[in-house]
Structures are given as structure tokens and as C-alpha cells.
Amino acid sequence: MRAVLVDEDKKVMRTIVFILVPLLAGLITYARVRPAFEPPVSARIVHPEPPTEIDFRGKTIRILGLENPLRKDAANLLKHIEDGKKIYYQSCFYCHGDDLDGKGHFAQAFNPLPLPFRGTDTIAQLPESFVFWRIAKGWRGLPTGSNPWDSSMPAFEDFLTEDEIWKASLFIYNASGNKPRTW
């Protein structure tokens, strides 16, 4: 140690010990702790393909080709929409907003943000059976083959009946000014 620190002919050794060794240690440490910014494995699919059928509270529901049965009840349609409004404001507006714009009180806590229902680029592109599936199953019902899924949508089948989900769907389409896409 003394020879490296004091001897005049050990200048090269001193340079290696006091400059190159700490520099090498710093580079190795940086290489191990630096953040890795890698792109996601695949693009995020906003509207995944729904399953053919789902289990809803022990009942098998075929999603493909399914239509909202309450929409056909023209005599009570306005009552169903009003009921759906109550359900929406009790369960959905916290995230999707009181103006159905995806800017609810809790919206900023989620990544990705909750979908807005206004406009023609989200709910207007979807059949009502898709909306039923997403409300009923939430993030739990998303296909596993396309992970990672980013969604914080709760599974409302634990809280709402089949009719209540259909009523909420009626309200969402009505209030957003959109019509469900048909098969």
C-alpha cells in the first residue's frame, strides 16, 4: 500500500488504483441499477374479442348475437333507462364520470384511464352484448392469451343482477347519444 502511495515510479499503479478501479466500479454499479425502458411486448387492445359465452351467477349466457332483452320492451323502455341512470350513478360514475366522459372522481388513479362513453370512438363501436360482458366480468373476464391487460374495471356480476346490467347499458347508450352496434 505504501509503495503505491509514496513511490515515484508507481505513478501508473496509483492512477489505476485511484481512478480506473473506482470508475470501473461505478460503471458496473450503474449498469446493474439503471432503469430499463423497453416497449411493451404487444400493443394494448382497447376492445378485446369477447368470449362466445360466459357464466353469470351460475347461468350460461351466449354473448355472440345476444341483444338487450329490455330494449324490446317499448312500453317500459323509458322506465328501464331511468332505472339504469340510478344504477350508473350508484356504481359507474365514480370512474366514468357524471358526464360519461371518463373523468370521474377516481379516474386519475387508473392507468389506463376509464373509457369515455361520449363520442363515436368507444361505445358506439360496440354491440350491447360486449358492454354486458365487460360490465359483468370486468377485468377478470379478459382473455388470458393476450396479457398483459391493463384494466381496473370491477366485476359487477357480484353486485348487480342481469337486468340491472342491461338497464345500465340502456342508460349509457341513451345518455351518450349512441346506438349499440348490431350484429
N, C-alpha and C. Protein backbone atom coordinates (compact mmCIF):
# COMPACT_ATOMS: atom_id res chain seq x y z
N MET A 1 0.83 -1.17 0.00
CA MET A 1 0.00 0.00 0.00
C MET A 1 0.89 1.25 0.00
N ARG A 2 1.95 1.22 0.86
CA ARG A 2 2.86 2.36 0.94
C ARG A 2 3.58 2.55 -0.37
N ALA A 3 3.97 1.47 -1.00
CA ALA A 3 4.70 1.58 -2.26
C ALA A 3 3.84 2.25 -3.33
N VAL A 4 2.57 1.94 -3.38
CA VAL A 4 1.67 2.53 -4.38
C VAL A 4 1.45 4.01 -4.08
N LEU A 5 1.33 4.35 -2.80
CA LEU A 5 1.02 5.73 -2.43
C LEU A 5 2.24 6.66 -2.47
N VAL A 6 3.41 6.15 -2.18
CA VAL A 6 4.57 7.03 -1.98
C VAL A 6 5.59 6.94 -3.12
N ASP A 7 5.89 5.76 -3.61
CA ASP A 7 6.96 5.62 -4.60
C ASP A 7 6.64 6.38 -5.88
N GLU A 8 7.65 7.12 -6.33
CA GLU A 8 7.51 7.94 -7.52
C GLU A 8 7.38 7.09 -8.78
N ASP A 9 8.00 5.92 -8.81
CA ASP A 9 7.94 5.07 -10.00
C ASP A 9 6.64 4.25 -10.08
N LYS A 10 5.76 4.40 -9.15
CA LYS A 10 4.47 3.67 -9.14
C LYS A 10 3.31 4.58 -9.56
N LYS A 11 3.58 5.61 -10.35
CA LYS A 11 2.56 6.54 -10.79
C LYS A 11 1.45 5.86 -11.60
N VAL A 12 1.80 4.96 -12.46
CA VAL A 12 0.82 4.24 -13.28
C VAL A 12 -0.08 3.38 -12.38
N MET A 13 0.53 2.73 -11.40
CA MET A 13 -0.24 1.89 -10.47
C MET A 13 -1.21 2.76 -9.67
N ARG A 14 -0.73 3.94 -9.23
CA ARG A 14 -1.58 4.87 -8.47
C ARG A 14 -2.78 5.31 -9.33
N THR A 15 -2.56 5.61 -10.57
CA THR A 15 -3.63 6.01 -11.48
C THR A 15 -4.67 4.90 -11.62
N ILE A 16 -4.20 3.69 -11.76
CA ILE A 16 -5.12 2.54 -11.89
C ILE A 16 -5.94 2.37 -10.61
N VAL A 17 -5.28 2.42 -9.45
CA VAL A 17 -5.97 2.18 -8.18
C VAL A 17 -6.95 3.29 -7.85
N PHE A 18 -6.57 4.54 -8.04
CA PHE A 18 -7.41 5.66 -7.58
C PHE A 18 -8.34 6.24 -8.64
N ILE A 19 -8.15 5.92 -9.89
CA ILE A 19 -9.04 6.46 -10.93
C ILE A 19 -9.76 5.34 -11.68
N LEU A 20 -9.04 4.41 -12.22
CA LEU A 20 -9.66 3.40 -13.05
C LEU A 20 -10.49 2.39 -12.26
N VAL A 21 -10.06 1.94 -11.10
CA VAL A 21 -10.83 0.98 -10.31
C VAL A 21 -12.15 1.59 -9.84
N PRO A 22 -12.16 2.81 -9.25
CA PRO A 22 -13.46 3.41 -8.88
C PRO A 22 -14.35 3.69 -10.09
N LEU A 23 -13.74 4.09 -11.19
CA LEU A 23 -14.52 4.32 -12.41
C LEU A 23 -15.15 3.03 -12.90
N LEU A 24 -14.41 1.95 -12.90
CA LEU A 24 -14.94 0.65 -13.30
C LEU A 24 -16.04 0.20 -12.34
N ALA A 25 -15.85 0.36 -11.04
CA ALA A 25 -16.88 0.00 -10.06
C ALA A 25 -18.15 0.83 -10.28
N GLY A 26 -17.99 2.11 -10.57
CA GLY A 26 -19.14 2.97 -10.85
C GLY A 26 -19.90 2.54 -12.09
N LEU A 27 -19.19 2.19 -13.14
CA LEU A 27 -19.83 1.74 -14.38
C LEU A 27 -20.58 0.42 -14.17
N ILE A 28 -19.98 -0.49 -13.45
CA ILE A 28 -20.65 -1.78 -13.17
C ILE A 28 -21.91 -1.54 -12.35
N THR A 29 -21.82 -0.69 -11.32
CA THR A 29 -22.98 -0.38 -10.48
C THR A 29 -24.08 0.28 -11.31
N TYR A 30 -23.71 1.24 -12.14
CA TYR A 30 -24.71 1.92 -12.97
C TYR A 30 -25.39 0.93 -13.92
N ALA A 31 -24.63 0.05 -14.52
CA ALA A 31 -25.20 -0.92 -15.45
C ALA A 31 -26.21 -1.84 -14.76
N ARG A 32 -26.02 -2.12 -13.49
CA ARG A 32 -26.94 -3.00 -12.77
C ARG A 32 -28.19 -2.29 -12.26
N VAL A 33 -28.11 -1.01 -11.97
CA VAL A 33 -29.27 -0.31 -11.37
C VAL A 33 -30.00 0.62 -12.33
N ARG A 34 -29.47 0.84 -13.50
CA ARG A 34 -30.15 1.77 -14.42
C ARG A 34 -31.51 1.21 -14.82
N PRO A 35 -32.49 2.09 -14.98
CA PRO A 35 -33.83 1.62 -15.39
C PRO A 35 -33.82 1.17 -16.85
N ALA A 36 -34.59 0.14 -17.11
CA ALA A 36 -34.70 -0.36 -18.47
C ALA A 36 -36.02 0.11 -19.05
N PHE A 37 -35.96 0.90 -20.08
CA PHE A 37 -37.16 1.40 -20.73
C PHE A 37 -37.37 0.60 -22.01
N GLU A 38 -38.13 -0.47 -21.86
CA GLU A 38 -38.39 -1.32 -23.00
C GLU A 38 -39.85 -1.16 -23.41
N PRO A 39 -40.11 -1.21 -24.70
CA PRO A 39 -41.51 -1.09 -25.14
C PRO A 39 -42.30 -2.31 -24.68
N PRO A 40 -43.63 -2.16 -24.57
CA PRO A 40 -44.43 -3.32 -24.18
C PRO A 40 -44.30 -4.44 -25.20
N VAL A 41 -44.60 -5.64 -24.74
CA VAL A 41 -44.46 -6.81 -25.59
C VAL A 41 -45.37 -6.69 -26.82
N SER A 42 -46.58 -6.18 -26.61
CA SER A 42 -47.50 -6.02 -27.72
C SER A 42 -48.34 -4.78 -27.49
N ALA A 43 -49.00 -4.34 -28.53
CA ALA A 43 -49.86 -3.18 -28.42
C ALA A 43 -51.07 -3.52 -27.54
N ARG A 44 -51.56 -2.53 -26.82
CA ARG A 44 -52.73 -2.74 -25.96
C ARG A 44 -53.98 -2.74 -26.83
N ILE A 45 -54.82 -3.72 -26.63
CA ILE A 45 -56.08 -3.81 -27.36
C ILE A 45 -57.16 -3.24 -26.45
N VAL A 46 -57.80 -2.17 -26.89
CA VAL A 46 -58.79 -1.50 -26.06
C VAL A 46 -60.06 -2.32 -25.96
N HIS A 47 -60.50 -2.89 -27.07
CA HIS A 47 -61.73 -3.68 -27.08
C HIS A 47 -61.38 -5.11 -27.50
N PRO A 48 -61.03 -5.97 -26.52
CA PRO A 48 -60.68 -7.35 -26.88
C PRO A 48 -61.89 -8.12 -27.38
N GLU A 49 -61.60 -9.18 -28.06
CA GLU A 49 -62.67 -10.03 -28.58
C GLU A 49 -63.38 -10.72 -27.42
N PRO A 50 -64.72 -10.62 -27.38
CA PRO A 50 -65.44 -11.26 -26.27
C PRO A 50 -65.48 -12.77 -26.42
N PRO A 51 -65.68 -13.45 -25.32
CA PRO A 51 -65.83 -14.90 -25.41
C PRO A 51 -67.17 -15.25 -26.05
N THR A 52 -67.32 -16.46 -26.49
CA THR A 52 -68.57 -16.91 -27.09
C THR A 52 -69.68 -16.94 -26.07
N GLU A 53 -69.35 -17.39 -24.85
CA GLU A 53 -70.34 -17.44 -23.78
C GLU A 53 -69.66 -17.21 -22.45
N ILE A 54 -70.45 -16.79 -21.46
CA ILE A 54 -69.92 -16.55 -20.12
C ILE A 54 -70.84 -17.21 -19.10
N ASP A 55 -70.30 -17.46 -17.93
CA ASP A 55 -71.11 -17.90 -16.80
C ASP A 55 -71.45 -16.66 -15.98
N PHE A 56 -72.72 -16.46 -15.77
CA PHE A 56 -73.18 -15.32 -14.98
C PHE A 56 -74.04 -15.85 -13.84
N ARG A 57 -73.47 -15.85 -12.65
CA ARG A 57 -74.17 -16.34 -11.47
C ARG A 57 -74.76 -17.74 -11.66
N GLY A 58 -73.96 -18.62 -12.24
CA GLY A 58 -74.38 -20.00 -12.44
C GLY A 58 -75.18 -20.24 -13.70
N LYS A 59 -75.45 -19.21 -14.46
CA LYS A 59 -76.22 -19.33 -15.70
C LYS A 59 -75.28 -19.07 -16.88
N THR A 60 -75.35 -19.90 -17.89
CA THR A 60 -74.54 -19.71 -19.08
C THR A 60 -75.26 -18.76 -20.03
N ILE A 61 -74.56 -17.69 -20.42
CA ILE A 61 -75.13 -16.70 -21.34
C ILE A 61 -74.27 -16.69 -22.59
N ARG A 62 -74.91 -16.90 -23.72
CA ARG A 62 -74.22 -16.85 -25.01
C ARG A 62 -74.11 -15.39 -25.44
N ILE A 63 -72.90 -14.90 -25.54
CA ILE A 63 -72.64 -13.48 -25.84
C ILE A 63 -72.82 -13.18 -27.33
N LEU A 64 -72.33 -14.05 -28.17
CA LEU A 64 -72.41 -13.78 -29.61
C LEU A 64 -73.87 -13.72 -30.07
N GLY A 65 -74.23 -12.61 -30.67
CA GLY A 65 -75.58 -12.45 -31.18
C GLY A 65 -76.61 -12.03 -30.14
N LEU A 66 -76.18 -11.88 -28.90
CA LEU A 66 -77.10 -11.52 -27.82
C LEU A 66 -77.52 -10.05 -27.95
N GLU A 67 -78.80 -9.81 -27.72
CA GLU A 67 -79.31 -8.44 -27.73
C GLU A 67 -79.92 -8.14 -26.37
N ASN A 68 -80.00 -6.88 -26.04
CA ASN A 68 -80.56 -6.45 -24.77
C ASN A 68 -82.06 -6.75 -24.77
N PRO A 69 -82.51 -7.66 -23.90
CA PRO A 69 -83.93 -8.02 -23.89
C PRO A 69 -84.83 -6.87 -23.44
N LEU A 70 -84.31 -5.93 -22.67
CA LEU A 70 -85.11 -4.81 -22.19
C LEU A 70 -85.36 -3.77 -23.28
N ARG A 71 -84.50 -3.75 -24.28
CA ARG A 71 -84.67 -2.79 -25.38
C ARG A 71 -85.94 -3.11 -26.18
N LYS A 72 -86.35 -4.36 -26.18
CA LYS A 72 -87.55 -4.78 -26.93
C LYS A 72 -88.84 -4.43 -26.20
N ASP A 73 -88.74 -4.10 -24.92
CA ASP A 73 -89.91 -3.75 -24.12
C ASP A 73 -90.21 -2.25 -24.28
N ALA A 74 -90.79 -1.88 -25.41
CA ALA A 74 -91.02 -0.48 -25.75
C ALA A 74 -91.90 0.24 -24.73
N ALA A 75 -92.86 -0.46 -24.14
CA ALA A 75 -93.77 0.17 -23.19
C ALA A 75 -93.05 0.63 -21.92
N ASN A 76 -91.99 -0.07 -21.53
CA ASN A 76 -91.26 0.26 -20.30
C ASN A 76 -89.85 0.77 -20.55
N LEU A 77 -89.52 1.07 -21.79
CA LEU A 77 -88.16 1.45 -22.13
C LEU A 77 -87.68 2.68 -21.34
N LEU A 78 -88.49 3.71 -21.26
CA LEU A 78 -88.09 4.91 -20.52
C LEU A 78 -87.88 4.62 -19.03
N LYS A 79 -88.70 3.75 -18.47
CA LYS A 79 -88.54 3.36 -17.06
C LYS A 79 -87.23 2.59 -16.88
N HIS A 80 -86.92 1.70 -17.82
CA HIS A 80 -85.66 0.94 -17.76
C HIS A 80 -84.46 1.88 -17.85
N ILE A 81 -84.56 2.88 -18.72
CA ILE A 81 -83.46 3.84 -18.86
C ILE A 81 -83.30 4.64 -17.57
N GLU A 82 -84.40 5.05 -16.97
CA GLU A 82 -84.35 5.79 -15.69
C GLU A 82 -83.76 4.91 -14.58
N ASP A 83 -84.13 3.65 -14.54
CA ASP A 83 -83.53 2.72 -13.58
C ASP A 83 -82.03 2.57 -13.84
N GLY A 84 -81.67 2.50 -15.12
CA GLY A 84 -80.27 2.40 -15.49
C GLY A 84 -79.47 3.62 -15.07
N LYS A 85 -80.11 4.78 -15.12
CA LYS A 85 -79.46 6.02 -14.68
C LYS A 85 -79.11 5.92 -13.20
N LYS A 86 -80.05 5.43 -12.39
CA LYS A 86 -79.79 5.28 -10.95
C LYS A 86 -78.64 4.30 -10.72
N ILE A 87 -78.64 3.21 -11.45
CA ILE A 87 -77.58 2.20 -11.31
C ILE A 87 -76.23 2.80 -11.71
N TYR A 88 -76.22 3.54 -12.82
CA TYR A 88 -74.97 4.18 -13.29
C TYR A 88 -74.42 5.11 -12.22
N TYR A 89 -75.28 5.94 -11.66
CA TYR A 89 -74.80 6.91 -10.68
C TYR A 89 -74.50 6.29 -9.32
N GLN A 90 -74.96 5.08 -9.07
CA GLN A 90 -74.60 4.38 -7.85
C GLN A 90 -73.30 3.59 -8.02
N SER A 91 -72.99 3.18 -9.24
CA SER A 91 -71.88 2.26 -9.42
C SER A 91 -70.79 2.70 -10.40
N CYS A 92 -71.15 3.45 -11.42
CA CYS A 92 -70.22 3.67 -12.53
C CYS A 92 -69.60 5.06 -12.61
N PHE A 93 -70.32 6.07 -12.15
CA PHE A 93 -69.87 7.43 -12.40
C PHE A 93 -68.60 7.80 -11.66
N TYR A 94 -68.25 7.06 -10.62
CA TYR A 94 -67.02 7.35 -9.87
C TYR A 94 -65.80 7.29 -10.79
N CYS A 95 -65.83 6.41 -11.74
CA CYS A 95 -64.72 6.28 -12.68
C CYS A 95 -65.03 6.91 -14.04
N HIS A 96 -66.23 6.62 -14.56
CA HIS A 96 -66.57 7.06 -15.92
C HIS A 96 -67.14 8.47 -15.97
N GLY A 97 -67.41 9.10 -14.83
CA GLY A 97 -67.80 10.49 -14.79
C GLY A 97 -69.29 10.72 -14.86
N ASP A 98 -69.72 11.85 -14.29
CA ASP A 98 -71.14 12.17 -14.31
C ASP A 98 -71.59 12.65 -15.68
N ASP A 99 -70.64 12.97 -16.54
CA ASP A 99 -70.97 13.36 -17.91
C ASP A 99 -70.61 12.25 -18.90
N LEU A 100 -70.33 11.06 -18.40
CA LEU A 100 -69.95 9.89 -19.21
C LEU A 100 -68.71 10.18 -20.06
N ASP A 101 -67.82 11.01 -19.54
CA ASP A 101 -66.65 11.44 -20.29
C ASP A 101 -65.35 10.76 -19.84
N GLY A 102 -65.46 9.78 -18.93
CA GLY A 102 -64.27 9.08 -18.45
C GLY A 102 -63.47 9.88 -17.45
N LYS A 103 -64.05 10.96 -16.92
CA LYS A 103 -63.33 11.82 -15.99
C LYS A 103 -64.01 11.85 -14.63
N GLY A 104 -64.29 10.68 -14.08
CA GLY A 104 -64.90 10.58 -12.77
C GLY A 104 -63.92 10.93 -11.67
N HIS A 105 -64.41 10.95 -10.44
CA HIS A 105 -63.59 11.34 -9.29
C HIS A 105 -62.35 10.45 -9.14
N PHE A 106 -62.47 9.18 -9.44
CA PHE A 106 -61.36 8.24 -9.25
C PHE A 106 -60.55 8.01 -10.53
N ALA A 107 -60.94 8.62 -11.61
CA ALA A 107 -60.35 8.32 -12.92
C ALA A 107 -58.84 8.48 -12.97
N GLN A 108 -58.33 9.53 -12.37
CA GLN A 108 -56.89 9.80 -12.46
C GLN A 108 -56.04 8.78 -11.70
N ALA A 109 -56.67 7.97 -10.89
CA ALA A 109 -55.94 6.94 -10.15
C ALA A 109 -55.65 5.71 -11.00
N PHE A 110 -56.23 5.65 -12.19
CA PHE A 110 -56.10 4.45 -13.02
C PHE A 110 -55.26 4.69 -14.25
N ASN A 111 -54.54 3.65 -14.63
CA ASN A 111 -53.79 3.66 -15.88
C ASN A 111 -54.04 2.33 -16.56
N PRO A 112 -54.73 2.32 -17.66
CA PRO A 112 -55.22 3.44 -18.45
C PRO A 112 -56.46 4.05 -17.81
N LEU A 113 -56.78 5.25 -18.25
CA LEU A 113 -57.95 5.96 -17.76
C LEU A 113 -59.23 5.22 -18.16
N PRO A 114 -60.29 5.35 -17.37
CA PRO A 114 -61.57 4.74 -17.76
C PRO A 114 -62.04 5.31 -19.10
N LEU A 115 -62.72 4.47 -19.86
CA LEU A 115 -63.17 4.90 -21.18
C LEU A 115 -64.30 5.92 -21.09
N PRO A 116 -64.27 6.92 -21.94
CA PRO A 116 -65.42 7.82 -22.04
C PRO A 116 -66.48 7.14 -22.91
N PHE A 117 -67.73 7.45 -22.64
CA PHE A 117 -68.81 6.87 -23.44
C PHE A 117 -69.35 7.85 -24.47
N ARG A 118 -68.98 9.11 -24.36
CA ARG A 118 -69.43 10.11 -25.33
C ARG A 118 -68.60 9.99 -26.60
N GLY A 119 -69.16 10.40 -27.70
CA GLY A 119 -68.44 10.35 -28.96
C GLY A 119 -68.70 9.04 -29.70
N THR A 120 -68.06 8.92 -30.83
CA THR A 120 -68.31 7.76 -31.68
C THR A 120 -67.14 6.78 -31.70
N ASP A 121 -66.14 7.01 -30.86
CA ASP A 121 -64.95 6.15 -30.94
C ASP A 121 -64.88 5.07 -29.86
N THR A 122 -65.85 5.01 -28.96
CA THR A 122 -65.79 3.93 -27.96
C THR A 122 -67.05 3.09 -27.99
N ILE A 123 -68.04 3.46 -27.21
CA ILE A 123 -69.21 2.62 -27.03
C ILE A 123 -70.05 2.49 -28.30
N ALA A 124 -69.99 3.47 -29.16
CA ALA A 124 -70.76 3.41 -30.41
C ALA A 124 -70.27 2.28 -31.31
N GLN A 125 -69.06 1.84 -31.12
CA GLN A 125 -68.49 0.77 -31.93
C GLN A 125 -68.80 -0.62 -31.39
N LEU A 126 -69.48 -0.68 -30.26
CA LEU A 126 -69.65 -1.96 -29.58
C LEU A 126 -71.10 -2.42 -29.55
N PRO A 127 -71.32 -3.71 -29.71
CA PRO A 127 -72.67 -4.24 -29.51
C PRO A 127 -72.97 -4.27 -28.00
N GLU A 128 -74.24 -4.24 -27.66
CA GLU A 128 -74.62 -4.22 -26.25
C GLU A 128 -74.19 -5.49 -25.52
N SER A 129 -74.07 -6.59 -26.22
CA SER A 129 -73.62 -7.82 -25.56
C SER A 129 -72.18 -7.68 -25.08
N PHE A 130 -71.35 -6.95 -25.83
CA PHE A 130 -69.97 -6.69 -25.41
C PHE A 130 -69.97 -5.87 -24.13
N VAL A 131 -70.81 -4.84 -24.09
CA VAL A 131 -70.89 -3.98 -22.91
C VAL A 131 -71.39 -4.79 -21.71
N PHE A 132 -72.36 -5.66 -21.94
CA PHE A 132 -72.85 -6.54 -20.86
C PHE A 132 -71.70 -7.39 -20.32
N TRP A 133 -70.94 -7.99 -21.21
CA TRP A 133 -69.81 -8.84 -20.82
C TRP A 133 -68.79 -8.06 -19.99
N ARG A 134 -68.42 -6.86 -20.45
CA ARG A 134 -67.41 -6.07 -19.75
C ARG A 134 -67.91 -5.60 -18.38
N ILE A 135 -69.19 -5.22 -18.30
CA ILE A 135 -69.74 -4.80 -17.00
C ILE A 135 -69.81 -6.01 -16.07
N ALA A 136 -70.29 -7.11 -16.58
CA ALA A 136 -70.46 -8.30 -15.74
C ALA A 136 -69.13 -8.85 -15.25
N LYS A 137 -68.19 -9.03 -16.13
CA LYS A 137 -66.94 -9.73 -15.77
C LYS A 137 -65.79 -8.81 -15.40
N GLY A 138 -65.82 -7.54 -15.85
CA GLY A 138 -64.74 -6.62 -15.52
C GLY A 138 -63.39 -7.13 -15.99
N TRP A 139 -62.37 -6.81 -15.22
CA TRP A 139 -61.01 -7.23 -15.61
C TRP A 139 -60.83 -8.73 -15.51
N ARG A 140 -61.64 -9.40 -14.67
CA ARG A 140 -61.48 -10.85 -14.50
C ARG A 140 -61.85 -11.61 -15.76
N GLY A 141 -62.70 -11.06 -16.59
CA GLY A 141 -63.17 -11.78 -17.75
C GLY A 141 -62.35 -11.57 -19.00
N LEU A 142 -61.25 -10.84 -18.90
CA LEU A 142 -60.45 -10.58 -20.09
C LEU A 142 -59.68 -11.84 -20.50
N PRO A 143 -59.51 -12.05 -21.79
CA PRO A 143 -58.82 -13.25 -22.26
C PRO A 143 -57.38 -13.33 -21.75
N THR A 144 -56.97 -14.50 -21.30
CA THR A 144 -55.62 -14.66 -20.76
C THR A 144 -54.57 -14.73 -21.85
N GLY A 145 -54.94 -15.09 -23.04
CA GLY A 145 -53.97 -15.23 -24.12
C GLY A 145 -53.40 -13.92 -24.60
N SER A 146 -53.94 -12.83 -24.18
CA SER A 146 -53.47 -11.53 -24.66
C SER A 146 -52.95 -10.66 -23.53
N ASN A 147 -52.41 -11.27 -22.49
CA ASN A 147 -51.85 -10.49 -21.38
C ASN A 147 -50.63 -9.73 -21.85
N PRO A 148 -50.20 -8.66 -21.25
CA PRO A 148 -50.77 -8.11 -20.03
C PRO A 148 -51.96 -7.20 -20.33
N TRP A 149 -52.99 -7.36 -19.57
CA TRP A 149 -54.16 -6.50 -19.71
C TRP A 149 -54.09 -5.41 -18.68
N ASP A 150 -54.38 -4.21 -19.09
CA ASP A 150 -54.46 -3.10 -18.16
C ASP A 150 -55.92 -2.71 -18.05
N SER A 151 -56.54 -3.06 -16.97
CA SER A 151 -57.91 -2.68 -16.72
C SER A 151 -58.18 -2.77 -15.23
N SER A 152 -58.91 -1.82 -14.73
CA SER A 152 -59.30 -1.86 -13.33
C SER A 152 -60.81 -1.97 -13.20
N MET A 153 -61.46 -2.33 -14.29
CA MET A 153 -62.92 -2.46 -14.30
C MET A 153 -63.33 -3.58 -13.35
N PRO A 154 -64.16 -3.26 -12.33
CA PRO A 154 -64.59 -4.31 -11.42
C PRO A 154 -65.61 -5.25 -12.07
N ALA A 155 -65.74 -6.42 -11.51
CA ALA A 155 -66.73 -7.38 -11.98
C ALA A 155 -68.05 -7.08 -11.27
N PHE A 156 -68.99 -6.51 -11.98
CA PHE A 156 -70.24 -6.11 -11.37
C PHE A 156 -71.23 -7.26 -11.24
N GLU A 157 -70.90 -8.44 -11.74
CA GLU A 157 -71.81 -9.56 -11.54
C GLU A 157 -71.92 -9.91 -10.06
N ASP A 158 -70.96 -9.45 -9.27
CA ASP A 158 -71.01 -9.67 -7.82
C ASP A 158 -71.99 -8.71 -7.14
N PHE A 159 -72.35 -7.63 -7.82
CA PHE A 159 -73.16 -6.57 -7.21
C PHE A 159 -74.49 -6.30 -7.92
N LEU A 160 -74.53 -6.57 -9.21
CA LEU A 160 -75.72 -6.24 -10.00
C LEU A 160 -76.35 -7.49 -10.60
N THR A 161 -77.65 -7.45 -10.78
CA THR A 161 -78.35 -8.55 -11.45
C THR A 161 -78.20 -8.38 -12.95
N GLU A 162 -78.62 -9.39 -13.67
CA GLU A 162 -78.58 -9.34 -15.13
C GLU A 162 -79.41 -8.17 -15.65
N ASP A 163 -80.63 -7.99 -15.13
CA ASP A 163 -81.48 -6.88 -15.56
C ASP A 163 -80.86 -5.53 -15.24
N GLU A 164 -80.22 -5.42 -14.09
CA GLU A 164 -79.59 -4.15 -13.72
C GLU A 164 -78.45 -3.80 -14.67
N ILE A 165 -77.69 -4.79 -15.08
CA ILE A 165 -76.61 -4.52 -16.05
C ILE A 165 -77.20 -4.09 -17.38
N TRP A 166 -78.26 -4.75 -17.83
CA TRP A 166 -78.91 -4.35 -19.08
C TRP A 166 -79.47 -2.93 -18.97
N LYS A 167 -80.04 -2.59 -17.82
CA LYS A 167 -80.58 -1.24 -17.62
C LYS A 167 -79.47 -0.19 -17.64
N ALA A 168 -78.36 -0.48 -17.00
CA ALA A 168 -77.22 0.45 -17.02
C ALA A 168 -76.74 0.64 -18.45
N SER A 169 -76.69 -0.44 -19.21
CA SER A 169 -76.29 -0.36 -20.61
C SER A 169 -77.26 0.52 -21.41
N LEU A 170 -78.54 0.34 -21.18
CA LEU A 170 -79.55 1.19 -21.85
C LEU A 170 -79.29 2.66 -21.55
N PHE A 171 -79.05 2.96 -20.29
CA PHE A 171 -78.80 4.36 -19.91
C PHE A 171 -77.54 4.89 -20.57
N ILE A 172 -76.47 4.12 -20.56
CA ILE A 172 -75.20 4.59 -21.13
C ILE A 172 -75.36 4.92 -22.61
N TYR A 173 -76.00 4.05 -23.36
CA TYR A 173 -76.21 4.33 -24.78
C TYR A 173 -77.12 5.53 -24.98
N ASN A 174 -78.17 5.60 -24.19
CA ASN A 174 -79.12 6.70 -24.34
C ASN A 174 -78.48 8.04 -23.97
N ALA A 175 -77.80 8.10 -22.84
CA ALA A 175 -77.20 9.35 -22.36
C ALA A 175 -76.03 9.81 -23.23
N SER A 176 -75.34 8.87 -23.85
CA SER A 176 -74.20 9.24 -24.70
C SER A 176 -74.64 9.61 -26.10
N GLY A 177 -75.91 9.38 -26.41
CA GLY A 177 -76.40 9.69 -27.75
C GLY A 177 -75.99 8.69 -28.79
N ASN A 178 -75.59 7.51 -28.37
CA ASN A 178 -75.14 6.47 -29.30
C ASN A 178 -76.17 5.35 -29.37
N LYS A 179 -76.06 4.59 -30.44
CA LYS A 179 -76.88 3.39 -30.60
C LYS A 179 -75.93 2.21 -30.59
N PRO A 180 -76.37 1.10 -30.01
CA PRO A 180 -75.49 -0.07 -30.00
C PRO A 180 -75.24 -0.59 -31.41
N ARG A 181 -74.07 -1.04 -31.62
CA ARG A 181 -73.76 -1.68 -32.90
C ARG A 181 -74.52 -3.00 -32.96
N THR A 182 -75.05 -3.31 -34.09
CA THR A 182 -75.81 -4.54 -34.22
C THR A 182 -74.99 -5.59 -34.96
N TRP A 183 -75.40 -6.83 -34.78
CA TRP A 183 -74.69 -7.94 -35.40
C TRP A 183 -74.99 -8.00 -36.87
